[in-house]
């Protein structure tokens, strides 16, 4: 009987040891599994002073009405106001098919079959930028909207009067009166531009990086948080910080090493200041995975190539393949959730 009791006690002790061991290993495993989230939380705390979620509204939107926005959206896709009646804002800045506000061409083809000199920038979040166009020659969205319609290489209309005649012919008179009540006349080129701008002010995207900055460390994968850390440590934040990760400053293309394409003088054409030669607006990195090819001339075909070139040209850093892949992984988190591949 005593022997049987001894075996029972031994068995109980063994089971207790196993249970304790299981609990300890389980806790350790859970701690290891949670360590990634813990690191993400620490990184989030570190970068909150560098980046910010996109604001809820764009500057100037306080005067926008539903009627004005609806008119602007229709005008954005209107082909009647181009020389060949086939071009619209959306031809070069595509929003259809969940595209990134660009046509994904190095430079865009205009109404007369000619190609422009610069890559078409995205209209997504554009109203948050310091200015419009690569050289910053337009102060805001409304001023920008006036340019392409009258540009002979782009939409190719002869003058403002010709644009208004086309809009009248297309039956826009009443829509302008509704969108601009009290204006006489309502159908003007300024109001055309303001309506397009009102629509473009709605093009605010939301991505997982916003969720991360909003206090959800788990919104980014381990690879993406690793890429964010690399992005910060390499020095990309020198130009790409804030809510847009860019879009708020001008920089010389080729700070550390000269860029190969020297034909485009950049902001110099606007200011005539020698220091502005080869200076361009820093692009926002929001939705950057959707807006290939890259650079003002569209000469960089892939995001990986753009990352590698920028590190060398601007920061004098030669990144290896793993560093490039890591940063590219992070940049993928900046894609609008409605446009991201499922």
Protein backbone atom coordinates (compact mmCIF):
# COMPACT_ATOMS: atom_id res chain seq x y z
CA UNK A 1 0.00 0.00 0.00
CA UNK A 2 2.84 2.33 0.87
CA UNK A 3 4.53 1.47 -2.44
CA UNK A 4 1.33 2.30 -4.32
CA UNK A 5 1.08 5.64 -2.45
CA UNK A 6 4.71 6.38 -3.37
CA UNK A 7 4.01 5.86 -7.05
CA UNK A 8 0.92 8.06 -6.80
CA UNK A 9 2.87 10.84 -5.15
CA UNK A 10 5.65 10.55 -7.71
CA UNK A 11 3.15 10.69 -10.57
CA UNK A 12 1.46 13.75 -9.08
CA UNK A 13 4.79 15.50 -8.64
CA UNK A 14 5.78 14.68 -12.23
CA UNK A 15 2.50 16.02 -13.57
CA UNK A 16 2.93 19.18 -11.50
CA UNK A 17 6.44 19.70 -12.85
CA UNK A 18 5.19 19.19 -16.40
CA UNK A 19 2.37 21.66 -15.82
CA UNK A 20 4.75 24.25 -14.43
CA UNK A 21 7.12 23.68 -17.29
CA UNK A 22 4.30 24.01 -19.83
CA UNK A 23 3.09 27.25 -18.31
CA UNK A 24 6.61 28.67 -18.29
CA UNK A 25 7.27 27.71 -21.93
CA UNK A 26 3.88 29.03 -22.97
CA UNK A 27 4.54 32.35 -21.25
CA UNK A 28 7.95 32.54 -22.90
CA UNK A 29 6.44 31.83 -26.31
CA UNK A 30 3.77 34.44 -25.76
CA UNK A 31 6.42 36.94 -24.69
CA UNK A 32 8.42 36.20 -27.84
CA UNK A 33 5.31 36.53 -30.00
CA UNK A 34 4.48 39.84 -28.40
CA UNK A 35 8.00 41.21 -28.67
CA UNK A 36 7.39 42.35 -32.25
CA UNK A 37 4.41 44.37 -31.14
CA UNK A 38 6.45 45.71 -28.25
CA UNK A 39 9.18 46.85 -30.62
CA UNK A 40 6.54 48.42 -32.86
CA UNK A 41 5.16 50.34 -29.89
CA UNK A 42 8.62 51.64 -29.05
CA UNK A 43 9.21 52.65 -32.66
CA UNK A 44 5.82 54.38 -32.77
CA UNK A 45 6.80 56.48 -29.77
CA UNK A 46 10.07 57.40 -31.49
CA UNK A 47 8.57 58.48 -34.82
CA UNK A 48 5.54 60.43 -33.64
CA UNK A 49 7.60 63.62 -33.68
CA UNK A 50 8.75 62.92 -37.24
CA UNK A 51 5.50 61.94 -38.96
CA UNK A 52 1.80 62.67 -38.55
CA UNK A 53 -1.48 61.20 -39.80
CA UNK A 54 -3.05 63.00 -42.73
CA UNK A 55 -5.49 65.71 -41.61
CA UNK A 56 -9.21 65.15 -42.00
CA UNK A 57 -9.65 68.07 -44.43
CA UNK A 58 -7.55 70.04 -46.90
CA UNK A 59 -6.89 73.78 -46.68
CA UNK A 60 -9.64 75.72 -48.48
CA UNK A 61 -12.28 73.03 -48.15
CA UNK A 62 -14.32 75.10 -45.70
CA UNK A 63 -15.97 76.86 -48.66
CA UNK A 64 -16.67 73.72 -50.67
CA UNK A 65 -20.26 72.58 -51.14
CA UNK A 66 -21.71 69.31 -52.39
CA UNK A 67 -22.82 71.02 -55.60
CA UNK A 68 -19.37 72.47 -56.22
CA UNK A 69 -17.62 69.17 -55.51
CA UNK A 70 -20.02 67.27 -57.79
CA UNK A 71 -19.42 69.77 -60.58
CA UNK A 72 -15.66 69.54 -60.08
CA UNK A 73 -15.75 65.77 -60.29
CA UNK A 74 -17.64 65.91 -63.55
CA UNK A 75 -15.20 68.47 -64.95
CA UNK A 76 -12.23 66.32 -63.88
CA UNK A 77 -13.43 63.62 -66.27
CA UNK A 78 -14.70 66.01 -68.99
CA UNK A 79 -13.06 65.49 -72.41
CA UNK A 80 -14.91 68.30 -74.21
CA UNK A 81 -12.41 70.87 -72.94
CA UNK A 82 -9.46 69.47 -74.87
CA UNK A 83 -8.40 70.17 -78.40
CA UNK A 84 -9.19 66.68 -79.63
CA UNK A 85 -12.19 66.24 -77.28
CA UNK A 86 -10.53 63.12 -75.91
CA UNK A 87 -8.33 64.41 -73.07
CA UNK A 88 -9.43 65.15 -69.53
CA UNK A 89 -7.69 65.73 -66.21
CA UNK A 90 -8.17 62.01 -65.62
CA UNK A 91 -6.21 61.12 -68.76
CA UNK A 92 -2.94 61.94 -67.02
CA UNK A 93 -4.07 61.85 -63.38
CA UNK A 94 -6.13 58.69 -63.36
CA UNK A 95 -8.48 57.95 -60.51
CA UNK A 96 -10.43 55.22 -62.29
CA UNK A 97 -9.66 51.53 -61.73
CA UNK A 98 -8.26 52.40 -58.28
CA UNK A 99 -5.18 53.96 -59.84
CA UNK A 100 -2.98 56.34 -57.90
CA UNK A 101 -3.89 59.65 -59.53
CA UNK A 102 -1.32 59.11 -62.30
CA UNK A 103 -1.13 57.39 -65.70
CA UNK A 104 2.02 55.36 -64.84
CA UNK A 105 3.86 56.70 -67.88
CA UNK A 106 7.29 58.38 -67.78
CA UNK A 107 5.67 61.48 -69.29
CA UNK A 108 2.12 61.92 -70.53
CA UNK A 109 0.74 62.15 -74.05
CA UNK A 110 -1.24 65.28 -74.84
CA UNK A 111 -4.17 66.02 -77.14
CA UNK A 112 -1.96 66.43 -80.19
CA UNK A 113 0.09 63.28 -79.61
CA UNK A 114 3.09 65.08 -78.11
CA UNK A 115 4.64 64.03 -74.82
CA UNK A 116 5.43 66.41 -71.99
CA UNK A 117 8.82 66.88 -70.36
CA UNK A 118 7.85 65.91 -66.83
CA UNK A 119 6.20 63.00 -65.09
CA UNK A 120 2.57 63.64 -64.12
CA UNK A 121 2.37 63.94 -60.31
CA UNK A 122 -0.51 62.40 -58.42
CA UNK A 123 -3.61 64.39 -57.55
CA UNK A 124 -4.15 62.29 -54.41
CA UNK A 125 -3.53 64.47 -51.34
CA UNK A 126 -2.15 67.18 -53.65
CA UNK A 127 -3.95 69.99 -51.84
CA UNK A 128 -1.75 69.42 -48.79
CA UNK A 129 1.41 70.24 -50.75
CA UNK A 130 3.40 73.44 -50.38
CA UNK A 131 2.61 74.26 -54.02
CA UNK A 132 1.67 72.53 -57.27
CA UNK A 133 3.76 71.19 -60.19
CA UNK A 134 7.30 69.87 -59.82
CA UNK A 135 8.66 73.42 -59.92
CA UNK A 136 6.04 74.88 -57.59
CA UNK A 137 4.84 77.44 -60.13
CA UNK A 138 1.18 77.20 -59.03
CA UNK A 139 0.32 78.25 -55.51
CA UNK A 140 -2.74 76.01 -55.08
CA UNK A 141 -5.05 73.50 -56.74
CA UNK A 142 -7.21 76.11 -58.47
CA UNK A 143 -4.22 77.79 -60.07
CA UNK A 144 -2.87 74.40 -61.13
CA UNK A 145 -6.19 73.41 -62.73
CA UNK A 146 -5.98 76.33 -65.15
CA UNK A 147 -2.65 75.31 -66.62
CA UNK A 148 -3.00 71.98 -68.46
CA UNK A 149 -6.21 72.94 -70.29
CA UNK A 150 -4.44 75.80 -72.10
CA UNK A 151 -1.07 74.10 -72.47
CA UNK A 152 -0.52 73.31 -76.18
CA UNK A 153 1.31 70.07 -75.35
CA UNK A 154 -1.33 68.91 -72.87
CA UNK A 155 -5.05 69.54 -73.45
CA UNK A 156 -4.40 72.12 -76.15
CA UNK A 157 -7.27 74.59 -75.86
CA UNK A 158 -6.61 77.96 -77.53
CA UNK A 159 -7.77 80.25 -74.73
CA UNK A 160 -10.18 80.64 -71.81
CA UNK A 161 -13.05 81.78 -74.04
CA UNK A 162 -12.75 78.58 -76.09
CA UNK A 163 -12.95 76.51 -72.90
CA UNK A 164 -16.07 78.33 -71.70
CA UNK A 165 -17.71 77.91 -75.11
CA UNK A 166 -17.10 74.17 -74.95
CA UNK A 167 -18.57 74.00 -71.43
CA UNK A 168 -21.63 75.98 -72.48
CA UNK A 169 -22.05 73.72 -75.48
CA UNK A 170 -21.81 70.66 -73.21
CA UNK A 171 -24.67 71.98 -71.06
CA UNK A 172 -22.78 73.05 -67.95
CA UNK A 173 -24.48 76.45 -67.55
CA UNK A 174 -27.03 75.43 -64.92
CA UNK A 175 -24.55 73.34 -62.97
CA UNK A 176 -22.29 76.37 -62.59
CA UNK A 177 -25.20 78.50 -61.40
CA UNK A 178 -26.02 75.88 -58.77
CA UNK A 179 -22.41 75.51 -57.67
CA UNK A 180 -21.74 79.26 -57.59
CA UNK A 181 -25.02 80.87 -56.52
CA UNK A 182 -25.08 84.63 -56.84
CA UNK A 183 -22.09 84.74 -59.19
CA UNK A 184 -22.73 86.66 -62.40
CA UNK A 185 -21.73 85.15 -64.63
CA UNK A 186 -21.36 81.78 -62.91
CA UNK A 187 -19.65 80.07 -65.84
CA UNK A 188 -16.15 81.54 -65.70
CA UNK A 189 -12.69 80.09 -66.06
CA UNK A 190 -11.90 80.94 -62.43
CA UNK A 191 -15.00 79.06 -61.31
CA UNK A 192 -14.08 76.13 -63.54
CA UNK A 193 -10.73 75.92 -61.75
CA UNK A 194 -12.29 76.38 -58.31
CA UNK A 195 -14.78 73.56 -58.94
CA UNK A 196 -12.02 71.17 -60.00
CA UNK A 197 -10.04 72.18 -56.91
CA UNK A 198 -13.09 71.53 -54.69
CA UNK A 199 -13.27 67.97 -56.01
CA UNK A 200 -9.53 67.45 -55.66
CA UNK A 201 -9.72 68.58 -52.06
CA UNK A 202 -11.75 65.43 -51.39
CA UNK A 203 -8.93 63.17 -52.63
CA UNK A 204 -7.55 62.39 -49.19
CA UNK A 205 -6.31 58.85 -48.80
CA UNK A 206 -6.18 56.69 -45.68
CA UNK A 207 -3.54 54.01 -45.18
CA UNK A 208 -2.23 51.64 -42.55
CA UNK A 209 0.57 54.01 -41.61
CA UNK A 210 -2.12 56.46 -40.48
CA UNK A 211 -3.51 53.69 -38.30
CA UNK A 212 -0.02 53.03 -36.92
CA UNK A 213 0.53 56.71 -36.10
CA UNK A 214 -2.95 56.80 -34.58
CA UNK A 215 -1.87 54.32 -31.92
CA UNK A 216 -2.18 50.89 -33.51
CA UNK A 217 1.32 49.33 -33.64
CA UNK A 218 -0.15 46.13 -35.08
CA UNK A 219 -1.27 48.00 -38.21
CA UNK A 220 2.19 47.42 -39.71
CA UNK A 221 3.83 44.06 -40.28
CA UNK A 222 7.21 43.19 -38.79
CA UNK A 223 8.78 43.73 -42.21
CA UNK A 224 7.17 47.15 -42.51
CA UNK A 225 8.23 48.29 -39.06
CA UNK A 226 11.74 47.09 -39.86
CA UNK A 227 11.59 49.13 -43.04
CA UNK A 228 10.38 52.19 -41.16
CA UNK A 229 13.33 51.87 -38.79
CA UNK A 230 15.69 51.61 -41.77
CA UNK A 231 13.98 54.58 -43.43
CA UNK A 232 14.66 56.72 -40.37
CA UNK A 233 18.21 55.49 -39.74
CA UNK A 234 19.36 55.91 -43.35
CA UNK A 235 18.21 59.55 -43.27
CA UNK A 236 15.28 59.52 -45.68
CA UNK A 237 13.44 61.67 -43.14
CA UNK A 238 15.70 64.60 -44.03
CA UNK A 239 13.25 65.30 -46.86
CA UNK A 240 10.40 62.86 -46.33
CA UNK A 241 8.75 63.62 -43.01
CA UNK A 242 5.54 65.20 -41.74
CA UNK A 243 2.04 64.08 -42.68
CA UNK A 244 2.84 63.72 -46.38
CA UNK A 245 6.34 62.29 -45.96
CA UNK A 246 7.43 65.05 -48.32
CA UNK A 247 5.51 67.59 -50.38
CA UNK A 248 6.46 70.51 -48.16
CA UNK A 249 9.90 71.58 -49.40
CA UNK A 250 12.17 71.96 -52.42
CA UNK A 251 15.48 70.15 -52.83
CA UNK A 252 18.20 69.89 -55.44
CA UNK A 253 18.08 66.66 -57.41
CA UNK A 254 21.58 65.37 -56.75
CA UNK A 255 22.65 66.81 -53.41
CA UNK A 256 25.50 64.35 -52.89
CA UNK A 257 26.05 63.10 -56.45
CA UNK A 258 25.06 64.72 -59.73
CA UNK A 259 21.90 63.44 -61.40
CA UNK A 260 22.47 62.24 -64.97
CA UNK A 261 19.64 64.18 -66.61
CA UNK A 262 20.71 67.83 -66.70
CA UNK A 263 18.20 69.08 -69.29
CA UNK A 264 15.50 70.13 -66.84
CA UNK A 265 16.58 73.13 -64.75
CA UNK A 266 13.66 72.70 -62.36
CA UNK A 267 12.62 75.60 -60.17
CA UNK A 268 15.19 77.87 -61.82
CA UNK A 269 12.76 78.31 -64.73
CA UNK A 270 10.33 79.91 -62.26
CA UNK A 271 12.63 81.95 -60.02
CA UNK A 272 15.66 82.58 -62.29
CA UNK A 273 17.76 82.12 -59.16
CA UNK A 274 21.01 80.24 -59.82
CA UNK A 275 20.61 78.36 -56.56
CA UNK A 276 17.35 76.88 -57.86
CA UNK A 277 18.95 75.02 -60.75
CA UNK A 278 17.94 71.33 -60.63
CA UNK A 279 15.73 72.04 -57.61
CA UNK A 280 12.30 70.37 -57.51
CA UNK A 281 9.47 69.97 -55.07
CA UNK A 282 10.05 66.93 -52.87
CA UNK A 283 7.29 64.45 -53.72
CA UNK A 284 5.04 63.04 -51.05
CA UNK A 285 5.58 59.33 -50.43
CA UNK A 286 1.91 58.68 -49.70
CA UNK A 287 0.73 56.07 -52.26
CA UNK A 288 4.24 55.94 -53.71
CA UNK A 289 3.89 52.23 -54.53
CA UNK A 290 1.12 53.17 -57.00
CA UNK A 291 2.78 56.09 -58.77
CA UNK A 292 5.61 54.56 -60.79
CA UNK A 293 7.68 55.49 -62.72
CA UNK A 294 9.55 57.91 -60.50
CA UNK A 295 11.38 61.25 -60.45
CA UNK A 296 10.45 64.44 -62.29
CA UNK A 297 11.47 62.87 -65.59
CA UNK A 298 9.99 59.42 -64.98
CA UNK A 299 13.42 57.83 -65.50
CA UNK A 300 13.24 55.43 -62.54
CA UNK A 301 11.01 52.47 -63.38
CA UNK A 302 10.69 50.74 -60.01
CA UNK A 303 10.34 51.76 -56.40
CA UNK A 304 13.39 49.72 -55.44
CA UNK A 305 15.48 51.56 -58.03
CA UNK A 306 14.15 54.93 -56.87
CA UNK A 307 15.02 54.15 -53.24
CA UNK A 308 18.53 53.06 -54.16
CA UNK A 309 19.13 56.07 -56.40
CA UNK A 310 17.76 58.57 -53.89
CA UNK A 311 19.98 57.21 -51.11
CA UNK A 312 23.01 57.65 -53.34
CA UNK A 313 22.10 60.93 -55.03
CA UNK A 314 20.80 62.73 -51.96
CA UNK A 315 22.41 61.04 -48.94
CA UNK A 316 25.66 59.54 -50.27
CA UNK A 317 24.51 56.15 -49.03
CA UNK A 318 25.00 52.93 -50.97
CA UNK A 319 22.22 50.66 -49.79
CA UNK A 320 22.44 46.90 -50.14
CA UNK A 321 19.55 44.84 -51.49
CA UNK A 322 18.22 43.93 -48.05
CA UNK A 323 18.10 47.59 -46.99
CA UNK A 324 16.31 48.57 -50.19
CA UNK A 325 13.80 45.73 -49.84
CA UNK A 326 13.17 46.70 -46.23
CA UNK A 327 12.43 50.35 -47.06
CA UNK A 328 10.23 49.32 -49.99
CA UNK A 329 8.25 47.10 -47.62
CA UNK A 330 7.60 50.08 -45.36
CA UNK A 331 6.60 52.31 -48.29
CA UNK A 332 3.93 49.76 -49.18
CA UNK A 333 2.13 50.65 -45.96
CA UNK A 334 1.55 54.16 -47.35
CA UNK A 335 -0.92 52.92 -49.98
CA UNK A 336 -4.53 54.01 -49.65
CA UNK A 337 -6.50 51.13 -48.17
CA UNK A 338 -9.18 51.43 -50.85
CA UNK A 339 -6.55 51.12 -53.57
CA UNK A 340 -4.29 48.53 -51.97
CA UNK A 341 -4.15 45.09 -53.55
CA UNK A 342 -6.17 42.59 -51.56
